């Protein structure tokens, strides 16, 4: 056993409306990040913008998958 112990799994209970709001906000953040990549200059911190793009995309994909799981769970 590691000295850090066992990782606990965090479960977030979303209601349908707040999850939809979170997904829409994440989509808008991702679109904004894509726009920033398009207008960024190679010398002006492009690495930071690309990092922001990856983070927002991963968050959007996670929340989208979470929304699909919630909808499937509620309809089953």
PDB file of N, CA and C in Angstrom:
ATOM      1  N   UNK A   1       0.846  -1.183   0.000  1.00  0.00           N
ATOM      2  CA  UNK A   1       0.000   0.000   0.000  1.00  0.00           C
ATOM      3  C   UNK A   1       0.886   1.239   0.000  1.00  0.00           C
ATOM      4  N   UNK A   2       0.495   2.221  -0.778  1.00  0.00           N
ATOM      5  CA  UNK A   2       1.320   3.423  -0.844  1.00  0.00           C
ATOM      6  C   UNK A   2       1.141   4.252   0.418  1.00  0.00           C
ATOM      7  N   UNK A   3       2.077   5.087   0.673  1.00  0.00           N
ATOM      8  CA  UNK A   3       1.994   5.908   1.883  1.00  0.00           C
ATOM      9  C   UNK A   3       0.954   7.014   1.748  1.00  0.00           C
ATOM     10  N   UNK A   4       0.489   7.245   0.530  1.00  0.00           N
ATOM     11  CA  UNK A   4      -0.505   8.290   0.316  1.00  0.00           C
ATOM     12  C   UNK A   4      -1.916   7.780   0.571  1.00  0.00           C
ATOM     13  N   UNK A   5      -2.064   6.483   0.670  1.00  0.00           N
ATOM     14  CA  UNK A   5      -3.377   5.921   0.933  1.00  0.00           C
ATOM     15  C   UNK A   5      -4.147   5.707  -0.356  1.00  0.00           C
ATOM     16  N   UNK A   6      -5.338   5.259  -0.192  1.00  0.00           N
ATOM     17  CA  UNK A   6      -6.183   4.962  -1.337  1.00  0.00           C
ATOM     18  C   UNK A   6      -6.911   6.236  -1.779  1.00  0.00           C
ATOM     19  N   UNK A   7      -6.952   6.438  -3.092  1.00  0.00           N
ATOM     20  CA  UNK A   7      -7.658   7.606  -3.613  1.00  0.00           C
ATOM     21  C   UNK A   7      -9.156   7.396  -3.485  1.00  0.00           C
ATOM     22  N   UNK A   8      -9.822   8.419  -3.034  1.00  0.00           N
ATOM     23  CA  UNK A   8     -11.275   8.354  -2.943  1.00  0.00           C
ATOM     24  C   UNK A   8     -11.876   8.880  -4.223  1.00  0.00           C
ATOM     25  N   UNK A   9     -12.954   8.291  -4.607  1.00  0.00           N
ATOM     26  CA  UNK A   9     -13.638   8.707  -5.814  1.00  0.00           C
ATOM     27  C   UNK A   9     -14.656   9.778  -5.460  1.00  0.00           C
ATOM     28  N   UNK A  10     -14.608  10.882  -6.159  1.00  0.00           N
ATOM     29  CA  UNK A  10     -15.518  11.980  -5.895  1.00  0.00           C
ATOM     30  C   UNK A  10     -16.701  11.858  -6.842  1.00  0.00           C
ATOM     31  N   UNK A  11     -17.878  11.853  -6.264  1.00  0.00           N
ATOM     32  CA  UNK A  11     -19.099  11.768  -7.058  1.00  0.00           C
ATOM     33  C   UNK A  11     -19.862  13.068  -6.875  1.00  0.00           C
ATOM     34  N   UNK A  12     -20.157  13.705  -7.993  1.00  0.00           N
ATOM     35  CA  UNK A  12     -20.911  14.953  -7.956  1.00  0.00           C
ATOM     36  C   UNK A  12     -22.312  14.662  -8.446  1.00  0.00           C
ATOM     37  N   UNK A  13     -23.285  15.018  -7.644  1.00  0.00           N
ATOM     38  CA  UNK A  13     -24.672  14.799  -8.033  1.00  0.00           C
ATOM     39  C   UNK A  13     -25.195  16.080  -8.682  1.00  0.00           C
ATOM     40  N   UNK A  14     -25.409  16.021  -9.985  1.00  0.00           N
ATOM     41  CA  UNK A  14     -25.869  17.173 -10.744  1.00  0.00           C
ATOM     42  C   UNK A  14     -27.382  17.104 -10.905  1.00  0.00           C
ATOM     43  N   UNK A  15     -28.027  18.252 -10.857  1.00  0.00           N
ATOM     44  CA  UNK A  15     -29.400  18.270 -11.339  1.00  0.00           C
ATOM     45  C   UNK A  15     -29.335  18.663 -12.810  1.00  0.00           C
ATOM     46  N   UNK A  16     -30.383  18.347 -13.546  1.00  0.00           N
ATOM     47  CA  UNK A  16     -30.355  18.495 -15.006  1.00  0.00           C
ATOM     48  C   UNK A  16     -30.066  19.929 -15.431  1.00  0.00           C
ATOM     49  N   UNK A  17     -30.653  20.888 -14.752  1.00  0.00           N
ATOM     50  CA  UNK A  17     -30.496  22.287 -15.162  1.00  0.00           C
ATOM     51  C   UNK A  17     -29.077  22.792 -14.922  1.00  0.00           C
ATOM     52  N   UNK A  18     -28.491  22.505 -13.776  1.00  0.00           N
ATOM     53  CA  UNK A  18     -27.140  23.005 -13.494  1.00  0.00           C
ATOM     54  C   UNK A  18     -26.107  22.318 -14.382  1.00  0.00           C
ATOM     55  N   UNK A  19     -26.341  21.054 -14.721  1.00  0.00           N
ATOM     56  CA  UNK A  19     -25.425  20.357 -15.619  1.00  0.00           C
ATOM     57  C   UNK A  19     -25.493  20.956 -17.019  1.00  0.00           C
ATOM     58  N   UNK A  20     -26.693  21.279 -17.481  1.00  0.00           N
ATOM     59  CA  UNK A  20     -26.829  21.921 -18.790  1.00  0.00           C
ATOM     60  C   UNK A  20     -26.131  23.277 -18.816  1.00  0.00           C
ATOM     61  N   UNK A  21     -26.262  24.034 -17.745  1.00  0.00           N
ATOM     62  CA  UNK A  21     -25.596  25.341 -17.658  1.00  0.00           C
ATOM     63  C   UNK A  21     -24.080  25.162 -17.681  1.00  0.00           C
ATOM     64  N   UNK A  22     -23.578  24.172 -16.947  1.00  0.00           N
ATOM     65  CA  UNK A  22     -22.135  23.916 -16.908  1.00  0.00           C
ATOM     66  C   UNK A  22     -21.617  23.488 -18.276  1.00  0.00           C
ATOM     67  N   UNK A  23     -22.374  22.646 -18.984  1.00  0.00           N
ATOM     68  CA  UNK A  23     -21.957  22.202 -20.319  1.00  0.00           C
ATOM     69  C   UNK A  23     -21.931  23.381 -21.282  1.00  0.00           C
ATOM     70  N   UNK A  24     -22.953  24.218 -21.247  1.00  0.00           N
ATOM     71  CA  UNK A  24     -22.998  25.376 -22.140  1.00  0.00           C
ATOM     72  C   UNK A  24     -21.866  26.361 -21.848  1.00  0.00           C
ATOM     73  N   UNK A  25     -21.563  26.578 -20.566  1.00  0.00           N
ATOM     74  CA  UNK A  25     -20.470  27.482 -20.217  1.00  0.00           C
ATOM     75  C   UNK A  25     -19.128  26.900 -20.654  1.00  0.00           C
ATOM     76  N   UNK A  26     -18.954  25.601 -20.490  1.00  0.00           N
ATOM     77  CA  UNK A  26     -17.715  24.951 -20.924  1.00  0.00           C
ATOM     78  C   UNK A  26     -17.562  25.033 -22.437  1.00  0.00           C
ATOM     79  N   UNK A  27     -18.661  24.881 -23.168  1.00  0.00           N
ATOM     80  CA  UNK A  27     -18.608  24.997 -24.638  1.00  0.00           C
ATOM     81  C   UNK A  27     -18.204  26.404 -25.046  1.00  0.00           C
ATOM     82  N   UNK A  28     -18.779  27.412 -24.387  1.00  0.00           N
ATOM     83  CA  UNK A  28     -18.418  28.800 -24.695  1.00  0.00           C
ATOM     84  C   UNK A  28     -16.949  29.078 -24.371  1.00  0.00           C
ATOM     85  N   UNK A  29     -16.459  28.543 -23.258  1.00  0.00           N
ATOM     86  CA  UNK A  29     -15.045  28.713 -22.894  1.00  0.00           C
ATOM     87  C   UNK A  29     -14.143  28.068 -23.942  1.00  0.00           C
ATOM     88  N   UNK A  30     -14.520  26.885 -24.406  1.00  0.00           N
ATOM     89  CA  UNK A  30     -13.735  26.176 -25.420  1.00  0.00           C
ATOM     90  C   UNK A  30     -13.720  26.953 -26.731  1.00  0.00           C
ATOM     91  N   UNK A  31     -14.885  27.478 -27.131  1.00  0.00           N
ATOM     92  CA  UNK A  31     -14.935  28.270 -28.362  1.00  0.00           C
ATOM     93  C   UNK A  31     -14.096  29.530 -28.236  1.00  0.00           C
ATOM     94  N   UNK A  32     -14.107  30.136 -27.062  1.00  0.00           N
ATOM     95  CA  UNK A  32     -13.279  31.323 -26.826  1.00  0.00           C
ATOM     96  C   UNK A  32     -11.800  30.972 -26.930  1.00  0.00           C
ATOM     97  N   UNK A  33     -11.420  29.831 -26.366  1.00  0.00           N
ATOM     98  CA  UNK A  33     -10.018  29.394 -26.446  1.00  0.00           C
ATOM     99  C   UNK A  33      -9.609  29.135 -27.890  1.00  0.00           C
ATOM    100  N   UNK A  34     -10.495  28.534 -28.689  1.00  0.00           N
ATOM    101  CA  UNK A  34     -10.192  28.306 -30.104  1.00  0.00           C
ATOM    102  C   UNK A  34      -9.985  29.634 -30.826  1.00  0.00           C
ATOM    103  N   UNK A  35     -10.801  30.622 -30.489  1.00  0.00           N
ATOM    104  CA  UNK A  35     -10.652  31.947 -31.095  1.00  0.00           C
ATOM    105  C   UNK A  35      -9.310  32.572 -30.697  1.00  0.00           C
ATOM    106  N   UNK A  36      -8.928  32.417 -29.437  1.00  0.00           N
ATOM    107  CA  UNK A  36      -7.652  32.964 -28.987  1.00  0.00           C
ATOM    108  C   UNK A  36      -6.477  32.340 -29.736  1.00  0.00           C
ATOM    109  N   UNK A  37      -6.560  31.038 -30.033  1.00  0.00           N
ATOM    110  CA  UNK A  37      -5.496  30.377 -30.795  1.00  0.00           C
ATOM    111  C   UNK A  37      -5.408  30.978 -32.191  1.00  0.00           C
ATOM    112  N   UNK A  38      -6.561  31.244 -32.786  1.00  0.00           N
ATOM    113  CA  UNK A  38      -6.577  31.798 -34.144  1.00  0.00           C
ATOM    114  C   UNK A  38      -5.972  33.192 -34.213  1.00  0.00           C
ATOM    115  N   UNK A  39      -6.184  34.004 -33.187  1.00  0.00           N
ATOM    116  CA  UNK A  39      -5.706  35.390 -33.244  1.00  0.00           C
ATOM    117  C   UNK A  39      -4.349  35.586 -32.586  1.00  0.00           C
ATOM    118  N   UNK A  40      -3.818  34.550 -31.932  1.00  0.00           N
ATOM    119  CA  UNK A  40      -2.541  34.686 -31.225  1.00  0.00           C
ATOM    120  C   UNK A  40      -1.378  34.727 -32.200  1.00  0.00           C
ATOM    121  N   UNK A  41      -0.367  35.466 -31.800  1.00  0.00           N
ATOM    122  CA  UNK A  41       0.866  35.544 -32.568  1.00  0.00           C
ATOM    123  C   UNK A  41       1.848  34.521 -32.005  1.00  0.00           C
ATOM    124  N   UNK A  42       2.718  33.960 -32.844  1.00  0.00           N
ATOM    125  CA  UNK A  42       3.656  32.930 -32.362  1.00  0.00           C
ATOM    126  C   UNK A  42       4.559  33.407 -31.231  1.00  0.00           C
ATOM    127  N   UNK A  43       4.873  34.693 -31.183  1.00  0.00           N
ATOM    128  CA  UNK A  43       5.785  35.197 -30.158  1.00  0.00           C
ATOM    129  C   UNK A  43       5.070  35.577 -28.860  1.00  0.00           C
ATOM    130  N   UNK A  44       3.757  35.689 -28.892  1.00  0.00           N
ATOM    131  CA  UNK A  44       3.030  36.249 -27.757  1.00  0.00           C
ATOM    132  C   UNK A  44       2.386  35.253 -26.823  1.00  0.00           C
ATOM    133  N   UNK A  45       3.106  34.274 -26.334  1.00  0.00           N
ATOM    134  CA  UNK A  45       2.570  33.330 -25.357  1.00  0.00           C
ATOM    135  C   UNK A  45       1.630  32.303 -25.951  1.00  0.00           C
ATOM    136  N   UNK A  46       1.951  31.828 -27.114  1.00  0.00           N
ATOM    137  CA  UNK A  46       1.108  30.840 -27.789  1.00  0.00           C
ATOM    138  C   UNK A  46       1.012  29.550 -26.976  1.00  0.00           C
ATOM    139  N   UNK A  47       2.066  29.198 -26.238  1.00  0.00           N
ATOM    140  CA  UNK A  47       2.041  27.979 -25.431  1.00  0.00           C
ATOM    141  C   UNK A  47       0.942  28.051 -24.381  1.00  0.00           C
ATOM    142  N   UNK A  48       0.794  29.221 -23.760  1.00  0.00           N
ATOM    143  CA  UNK A  48      -0.249  29.388 -22.745  1.00  0.00           C
ATOM    144  C   UNK A  48      -1.641  29.266 -23.359  1.00  0.00           C
ATOM    145  N   UNK A  49      -1.802  29.819 -24.533  1.00  0.00           N
ATOM    146  CA  UNK A  49      -3.102  29.764 -25.205  1.00  0.00           C
ATOM    147  C   UNK A  49      -3.430  28.327 -25.600  1.00  0.00           C
ATOM    148  N   UNK A  50      -2.434  27.589 -26.073  1.00  0.00           N
ATOM    149  CA  UNK A  50      -2.654  26.191 -26.440  1.00  0.00           C
ATOM    150  C   UNK A  50      -2.989  25.366 -25.198  1.00  0.00           C
ATOM    151  N   UNK A  51      -2.315  25.629 -24.095  1.00  0.00           N
ATOM    152  CA  UNK A  51      -2.627  24.948 -22.842  1.00  0.00           C
ATOM    153  C   UNK A  51      -4.068  25.234 -22.429  1.00  0.00           C
ATOM    154  N   UNK A  52      -4.475  26.494 -22.514  1.00  0.00           N
ATOM    155  CA  UNK A  52      -5.843  26.883 -22.177  1.00  0.00           C
ATOM    156  C   UNK A  52      -6.839  26.170 -23.089  1.00  0.00           C
ATOM    157  N   UNK A  53      -6.504  26.043 -24.353  1.00  0.00           N
ATOM    158  CA  UNK A  53      -7.366  25.337 -25.298  1.00  0.00           C
ATOM    159  C   UNK A  53      -7.535  23.877 -24.876  1.00  0.00           C
ATOM    160  N   UNK A  54      -6.446  23.219 -24.525  1.00  0.00           N
ATOM    161  CA  UNK A  54      -6.519  21.811 -24.124  1.00  0.00           C
ATOM    162  C   UNK A  54      -7.331  21.639 -22.833  1.00  0.00           C
ATOM    163  N   UNK A  55      -7.122  22.526 -21.877  1.00  0.00           N
ATOM    164  CA  UNK A  55      -7.843  22.432 -20.608  1.00  0.00           C
ATOM    165  C   UNK A  55      -9.343  22.639 -20.821  1.00  0.00           C
ATOM    166  N   UNK A  56      -9.710  23.646 -21.587  1.00  0.00           N
ATOM    167  CA  UNK A  56     -11.133  23.907 -21.806  1.00  0.00           C
ATOM    168  C   UNK A  56     -11.781  22.797 -22.628  1.00  0.00           C
ATOM    169  N   UNK A  57     -11.047  22.239 -23.587  1.00  0.00           N
ATOM    170  CA  UNK A  57     -11.599  21.147 -24.383  1.00  0.00           C
ATOM    171  C   UNK A  57     -11.838  19.910 -23.512  1.00  0.00           C
ATOM    172  N   UNK A  58     -10.885  19.580 -22.656  1.00  0.00           N
ATOM    173  CA  UNK A  58     -11.042  18.421 -21.779  1.00  0.00           C
ATOM    174  C   UNK A  58     -12.213  18.620 -20.814  1.00  0.00           C
ATOM    175  N   UNK A  59     -12.359  19.831 -20.284  1.00  0.00           N
ATOM    176  CA  UNK A  59     -13.470  20.104 -19.374  1.00  0.00           C
ATOM    177  C   UNK A  59     -14.803  19.973 -20.102  1.00  0.00           C
ATOM    178  N   UNK A  60     -14.883  20.504 -21.306  1.00  0.00           N
ATOM    179  CA  UNK A  60     -16.117  20.419 -22.090  1.00  0.00           C
ATOM    180  C   UNK A  60     -16.448  18.967 -22.413  1.00  0.00           C
ATOM    181  N   UNK A  61     -15.464  18.197 -22.834  1.00  0.00           N
ATOM    182  CA  UNK A  61     -15.705  16.794 -23.168  1.00  0.00           C
ATOM    183  C   UNK A  61     -16.131  15.999 -21.926  1.00  0.00           C
ATOM    184  N   UNK A  62     -15.519  16.290 -20.788  1.00  0.00           N
ATOM    185  CA  UNK A  62     -15.889  15.608 -19.552  1.00  0.00           C
ATOM    186  C   UNK A  62     -17.338  15.920 -19.177  1.00  0.00           C
ATOM    187  N   UNK A  63     -17.697  17.186 -19.195  1.00  0.00           N
ATOM    188  CA  UNK A  63     -19.055  17.570 -18.814  1.00  0.00           C
ATOM    189  C   UNK A  63     -20.086  17.047 -19.808  1.00  0.00           C
ATOM    190  N   UNK A  64     -19.735  17.015 -21.078  1.00  0.00           N
ATOM    191  CA  UNK A  64     -20.640  16.468 -22.090  1.00  0.00           C
ATOM    192  C   UNK A  64     -20.869  14.975 -21.838  1.00  0.00           C
ATOM    193  N   UNK A  65     -19.813  14.250 -21.544  1.00  0.00           N
ATOM    194  CA  UNK A  65     -19.955  12.822 -21.233  1.00  0.00           C
ATOM    195  C   UNK A  65     -20.752  12.622 -19.948  1.00  0.00           C
ATOM    196  N   UNK A  66     -20.529  13.484 -18.974  1.00  0.00           N
ATOM    197  CA  UNK A  66     -21.280  13.403 -17.716  1.00  0.00           C
ATOM    198  C   UNK A  66     -22.765  13.638 -17.965  1.00  0.00           C
ATOM    199  N   UNK A  67     -23.083  14.597 -18.819  1.00  0.00           N
ATOM    200  CA  UNK A  67     -24.486  14.877 -19.137  1.00  0.00           C
ATOM    201  C   UNK A  67     -25.124  13.688 -19.849  1.00  0.00           C
ATOM    202  N   UNK A  68     -24.387  13.055 -20.744  1.00  0.00           N
ATOM    203  CA  UNK A  68     -24.916  11.874 -21.433  1.00  0.00           C
ATOM    204  C   UNK A  68     -25.161  10.740 -20.451  1.00  0.00           C
ATOM    205  N   UNK A  69     -24.225  10.525 -19.520  1.00  0.00           N
ATOM    206  CA  UNK A  69     -24.403   9.473 -18.515  1.00  0.00           C
ATOM    207  C   UNK A  69     -25.616   9.756 -17.633  1.00  0.00           C
ATOM    208  N   UNK A  70     -25.779  11.012 -17.219  1.00  0.00           N
ATOM    209  CA  UNK A  70     -26.918  11.383 -16.390  1.00  0.00           C
ATOM    210  C   UNK A  70     -28.239  11.170 -17.117  1.00  0.00           C
ATOM    211  N   UNK A  71     -28.302  11.567 -18.359  1.00  0.00           N
ATOM    212  CA  UNK A  71     -29.528  11.395 -19.133  1.00  0.00           C
ATOM    213  C   UNK A  71     -29.844   9.911 -19.321  1.00  0.00           C
ATOM    214  N   UNK A  72     -28.805   9.124 -19.599  1.00  0.00           N
ATOM    215  CA  UNK A  72     -29.004   7.680 -19.781  1.00  0.00           C
ATOM    216  C   UNK A  72     -29.460   7.040 -18.470  1.00  0.00           C
ATOM    217  N   UNK A  73     -28.865   7.477 -17.360  1.00  0.00           N
ATOM    218  CA  UNK A  73     -29.200   6.920 -16.047  1.00  0.00           C
ATOM    219  C   UNK A  73     -30.636   7.269 -15.661  1.00  0.00           C
ATOM    220  N   UNK A  74     -31.078   8.469 -15.968  1.00  0.00           N
ATOM    221  CA  UNK A  74     -32.430   8.886 -15.597  1.00  0.00           C
ATOM    222  C   UNK A  74     -33.491   8.260 -16.476  1.00  0.00           C
ATOM    223  N   UNK A  75     -33.141   7.925 -17.725  1.00  0.00           N
ATOM    224  CA  UNK A  75     -34.114   7.318 -18.634  1.00  0.00           C
ATOM    225  C   UNK A  75     -34.127   5.806 -18.516  1.00  0.00           C
ATOM    226  N   UNK A  76     -33.178   5.245 -17.804  1.00  0.00           N
ATOM    227  CA  UNK A  76     -33.121   3.770 -17.692  1.00  0.00           C
ATOM    228  C   UNK A  76     -33.993   3.266 -16.556  1.00  0.00           C
TER     229      UNK A  76
END
